[in-house]
Amino acid sequence: MSWPVRAGGQPTAGLADYNYRFLLPNASRTYEVSNLEVVTGVTSGCCACPINTRRRFGLNGSPVVAEGSAAVTILRR
């Protein structure tokens, strides 16, 4: 599934309206993702493709910030 985006804004679909749980039974791990905030921009190349420039979310109750381009992402807690 893909979510349409508009540059400089939130995804137009309800991606950020939900909380998510990822279950990895083989690794005996569960991840809770909540409070999604996704900011998009466009590339400076010829296609002006939309990219996520900031992703903020809660991971198991701890805030996480992922900023940067697709090639270089910085995670901060």
N, C-alpha and C. Protein backbone atom coordinates (compact mmCIF):
# COMPACT_ATOMS: atom_id res chain seq x y z
N MET A 1 0.84 -1.17 0.00
CA MET A 1 0.00 0.00 0.00
C MET A 1 0.89 1.24 0.00
N SER A 2 0.54 2.24 -0.75
CA SER A 2 1.28 3.50 -0.72
C SER A 2 0.31 4.61 -0.33
N TRP A 3 0.86 5.63 0.30
CA TRP A 3 0.06 6.76 0.74
C TRP A 3 0.44 7.97 -0.08
N PRO A 4 -0.52 8.59 -0.77
CA PRO A 4 -0.18 9.79 -1.52
C PRO A 4 0.27 10.90 -0.58
N VAL A 5 1.23 11.71 -1.03
CA VAL A 5 1.74 12.79 -0.19
C VAL A 5 1.66 14.10 -0.96
N ARG A 6 1.68 15.18 -0.23
CA ARG A 6 1.81 16.50 -0.84
C ARG A 6 3.02 17.16 -0.22
N ALA A 7 3.81 17.82 -1.01
CA ALA A 7 5.07 18.40 -0.55
C ALA A 7 4.84 19.34 0.63
N GLY A 8 5.69 19.18 1.67
CA GLY A 8 5.62 20.05 2.83
C GLY A 8 4.50 19.74 3.79
N GLY A 9 3.81 18.65 3.59
CA GLY A 9 2.67 18.36 4.45
C GLY A 9 2.60 16.93 4.89
N GLN A 10 1.48 16.59 5.46
CA GLN A 10 1.22 15.24 5.93
C GLN A 10 0.74 14.39 4.76
N PRO A 11 0.89 13.07 4.86
CA PRO A 11 0.30 12.20 3.84
C PRO A 11 -1.21 12.48 3.77
N THR A 12 -1.77 12.42 2.58
CA THR A 12 -3.19 12.73 2.44
C THR A 12 -4.07 11.62 2.97
N ALA A 13 -3.57 10.40 3.03
CA ALA A 13 -4.34 9.30 3.60
C ALA A 13 -4.13 9.29 5.11
N GLY A 14 -4.77 8.40 5.82
CA GLY A 14 -4.75 8.38 7.27
C GLY A 14 -3.59 7.64 7.91
N LEU A 15 -2.42 7.67 7.32
CA LEU A 15 -1.26 6.97 7.87
C LEU A 15 -1.00 7.36 9.32
N ALA A 16 -1.03 8.64 9.63
CA ALA A 16 -0.70 9.11 10.97
C ALA A 16 -1.87 9.00 11.94
N ASP A 17 -3.02 8.58 11.46
CA ASP A 17 -4.20 8.48 12.32
C ASP A 17 -4.26 7.20 13.14
N TYR A 18 -3.30 6.32 12.96
CA TYR A 18 -3.34 5.02 13.61
C TYR A 18 -2.07 4.75 14.41
N ASN A 19 -2.17 3.80 15.33
CA ASN A 19 -1.01 3.24 16.02
C ASN A 19 -0.78 1.86 15.41
N TYR A 20 0.46 1.42 15.47
CA TYR A 20 0.81 0.15 14.83
C TYR A 20 1.56 -0.75 15.79
N ARG A 21 1.38 -2.06 15.63
CA ARG A 21 2.12 -3.05 16.40
C ARG A 21 2.76 -4.02 15.41
N PHE A 22 4.07 -4.16 15.54
CA PHE A 22 4.82 -5.09 14.69
C PHE A 22 5.24 -6.27 15.54
N LEU A 23 4.80 -7.45 15.16
CA LEU A 23 5.14 -8.68 15.87
C LEU A 23 6.15 -9.46 15.05
N LEU A 24 7.28 -9.78 15.68
CA LEU A 24 8.31 -10.59 15.03
C LEU A 24 8.46 -11.87 15.84
N PRO A 25 7.62 -12.86 15.58
CA PRO A 25 7.61 -14.06 16.42
C PRO A 25 8.92 -14.83 16.43
N ASN A 26 9.62 -14.88 15.29
CA ASN A 26 10.89 -15.62 15.26
C ASN A 26 11.96 -14.97 16.12
N ALA A 27 11.85 -13.66 16.31
CA ALA A 27 12.81 -12.94 17.15
C ALA A 27 12.25 -12.68 18.55
N SER A 28 11.03 -13.11 18.80
CA SER A 28 10.35 -12.88 20.09
C SER A 28 10.33 -11.39 20.44
N ARG A 29 9.98 -10.56 19.47
CA ARG A 29 9.95 -9.12 19.69
C ARG A 29 8.62 -8.53 19.23
N THR A 30 8.22 -7.48 19.92
CA THR A 30 7.05 -6.70 19.56
C THR A 30 7.43 -5.23 19.61
N TYR A 31 7.02 -4.48 18.60
CA TYR A 31 7.29 -3.04 18.55
C TYR A 31 5.97 -2.30 18.44
N GLU A 32 5.79 -1.29 19.28
CA GLU A 32 4.62 -0.43 19.24
C GLU A 32 5.03 0.90 18.63
N VAL A 33 4.38 1.31 17.55
CA VAL A 33 4.67 2.58 16.90
C VAL A 33 3.42 3.44 16.99
N SER A 34 3.59 4.67 17.49
CA SER A 34 2.45 5.57 17.68
C SER A 34 2.85 7.01 17.38
N ASN A 35 1.87 7.88 17.37
CA ASN A 35 2.08 9.33 17.20
C ASN A 35 2.93 9.66 15.99
N LEU A 36 2.58 9.08 14.85
CA LEU A 36 3.35 9.33 13.62
C LEU A 36 3.20 10.77 13.14
N GLU A 37 4.32 11.36 12.78
CA GLU A 37 4.34 12.68 12.14
C GLU A 37 5.31 12.57 10.98
N VAL A 38 4.80 12.73 9.76
CA VAL A 38 5.63 12.61 8.56
C VAL A 38 5.54 13.92 7.80
N VAL A 39 6.71 14.54 7.51
CA VAL A 39 6.77 15.76 6.71
C VAL A 39 7.46 15.41 5.41
N THR A 40 6.88 15.87 4.31
CA THR A 40 7.44 15.54 3.00
C THR A 40 7.96 16.79 2.30
N GLY A 41 8.82 16.56 1.35
CA GLY A 41 9.34 17.60 0.47
C GLY A 41 9.49 17.00 -0.91
N VAL A 42 10.16 17.70 -1.78
CA VAL A 42 10.40 17.17 -3.12
C VAL A 42 11.89 17.20 -3.40
N THR A 43 12.34 16.30 -4.24
CA THR A 43 13.75 16.26 -4.61
C THR A 43 14.06 17.43 -5.53
N SER A 44 15.33 17.79 -5.61
CA SER A 44 15.73 18.90 -6.46
C SER A 44 16.11 18.43 -7.87
N GLY A 45 15.97 17.15 -8.13
CA GLY A 45 16.33 16.62 -9.44
C GLY A 45 15.25 16.90 -10.47
N CYS A 46 15.38 16.26 -11.60
CA CYS A 46 14.48 16.52 -12.72
C CYS A 46 13.05 16.05 -12.47
N CYS A 47 12.87 15.06 -11.60
CA CYS A 47 11.52 14.50 -11.43
C CYS A 47 10.74 15.15 -10.30
N ALA A 48 11.40 15.87 -9.41
CA ALA A 48 10.74 16.48 -8.24
C ALA A 48 9.88 15.45 -7.50
N CYS A 49 10.48 14.30 -7.22
CA CYS A 49 9.77 13.22 -6.54
C CYS A 49 9.54 13.58 -5.07
N PRO A 50 8.40 13.19 -4.50
CA PRO A 50 8.18 13.45 -3.08
C PRO A 50 9.06 12.55 -2.22
N ILE A 51 9.62 13.12 -1.14
CA ILE A 51 10.42 12.35 -0.19
C ILE A 51 10.01 12.74 1.22
N ASN A 52 10.22 11.85 2.15
CA ASN A 52 9.98 12.15 3.56
C ASN A 52 11.22 12.83 4.11
N THR A 53 11.07 14.05 4.60
CA THR A 53 12.20 14.78 5.15
C THR A 53 12.27 14.68 6.67
N ARG A 54 11.17 14.37 7.31
CA ARG A 54 11.17 14.18 8.76
C ARG A 54 10.13 13.13 9.11
N ARG A 55 10.54 12.24 9.98
CA ARG A 55 9.64 11.23 10.51
C ARG A 55 9.80 11.24 12.02
N ARG A 56 8.73 11.50 12.73
CA ARG A 56 8.73 11.44 14.19
C ARG A 56 7.69 10.42 14.60
N PHE A 57 8.01 9.67 15.63
CA PHE A 57 7.08 8.67 16.10
C PHE A 57 7.46 8.22 17.49
N GLY A 58 6.54 7.54 18.13
CA GLY A 58 6.84 6.90 19.40
C GLY A 58 7.14 5.44 19.16
N LEU A 59 8.23 4.95 19.73
CA LEU A 59 8.60 3.54 19.60
C LEU A 59 8.61 2.95 20.99
N ASN A 60 7.65 2.08 21.26
CA ASN A 60 7.49 1.47 22.58
C ASN A 60 7.43 2.55 23.67
N GLY A 61 6.76 3.67 23.35
CA GLY A 61 6.57 4.73 24.33
C GLY A 61 7.68 5.76 24.38
N SER A 62 8.77 5.57 23.66
CA SER A 62 9.87 6.54 23.63
C SER A 62 9.84 7.32 22.33
N PRO A 63 9.98 8.66 22.38
CA PRO A 63 9.96 9.44 21.14
C PRO A 63 11.22 9.21 20.31
N VAL A 64 11.03 9.15 18.99
CA VAL A 64 12.13 8.97 18.04
C VAL A 64 11.95 10.00 16.93
N VAL A 65 13.04 10.63 16.51
CA VAL A 65 13.02 11.57 15.40
C VAL A 65 13.97 11.04 14.33
N ALA A 66 13.48 10.89 13.12
CA ALA A 66 14.32 10.47 11.98
C ALA A 66 14.27 11.60 10.98
N GLU A 67 15.37 12.34 10.84
CA GLU A 67 15.42 13.47 9.93
C GLU A 67 16.45 13.22 8.85
N GLY A 68 16.27 13.84 7.72
CA GLY A 68 17.21 13.72 6.63
C GLY A 68 16.57 13.13 5.40
N SER A 69 17.38 12.97 4.39
CA SER A 69 16.89 12.42 3.13
C SER A 69 16.85 10.90 3.20
N ALA A 70 16.41 10.30 2.12
CA ALA A 70 16.37 8.84 2.07
C ALA A 70 17.78 8.25 2.16
N ALA A 71 18.78 8.98 1.63
CA ALA A 71 20.15 8.46 1.62
C ALA A 71 20.83 8.64 2.97
N VAL A 72 20.45 9.70 3.72
CA VAL A 72 21.09 9.99 5.01
C VAL A 72 20.00 10.27 6.02
N THR A 73 19.78 9.35 6.94
CA THR A 73 18.76 9.53 7.97
C THR A 73 19.42 9.51 9.32
N ILE A 74 19.05 10.45 10.17
CA ILE A 74 19.58 10.54 11.53
C ILE A 74 18.48 10.21 12.51
N LEU A 75 18.69 9.21 13.34
CA LEU A 75 17.73 8.85 14.38
C LEU A 75 18.14 9.47 15.69
N ARG A 76 17.19 10.15 16.34
CA ARG A 76 17.46 10.75 17.65
C ARG A 76 16.36 10.29 18.59
N ARG A 77 16.74 10.06 19.84
CA ARG A 77 15.77 9.72 20.87
C ARG A 77 15.78 10.79 21.91
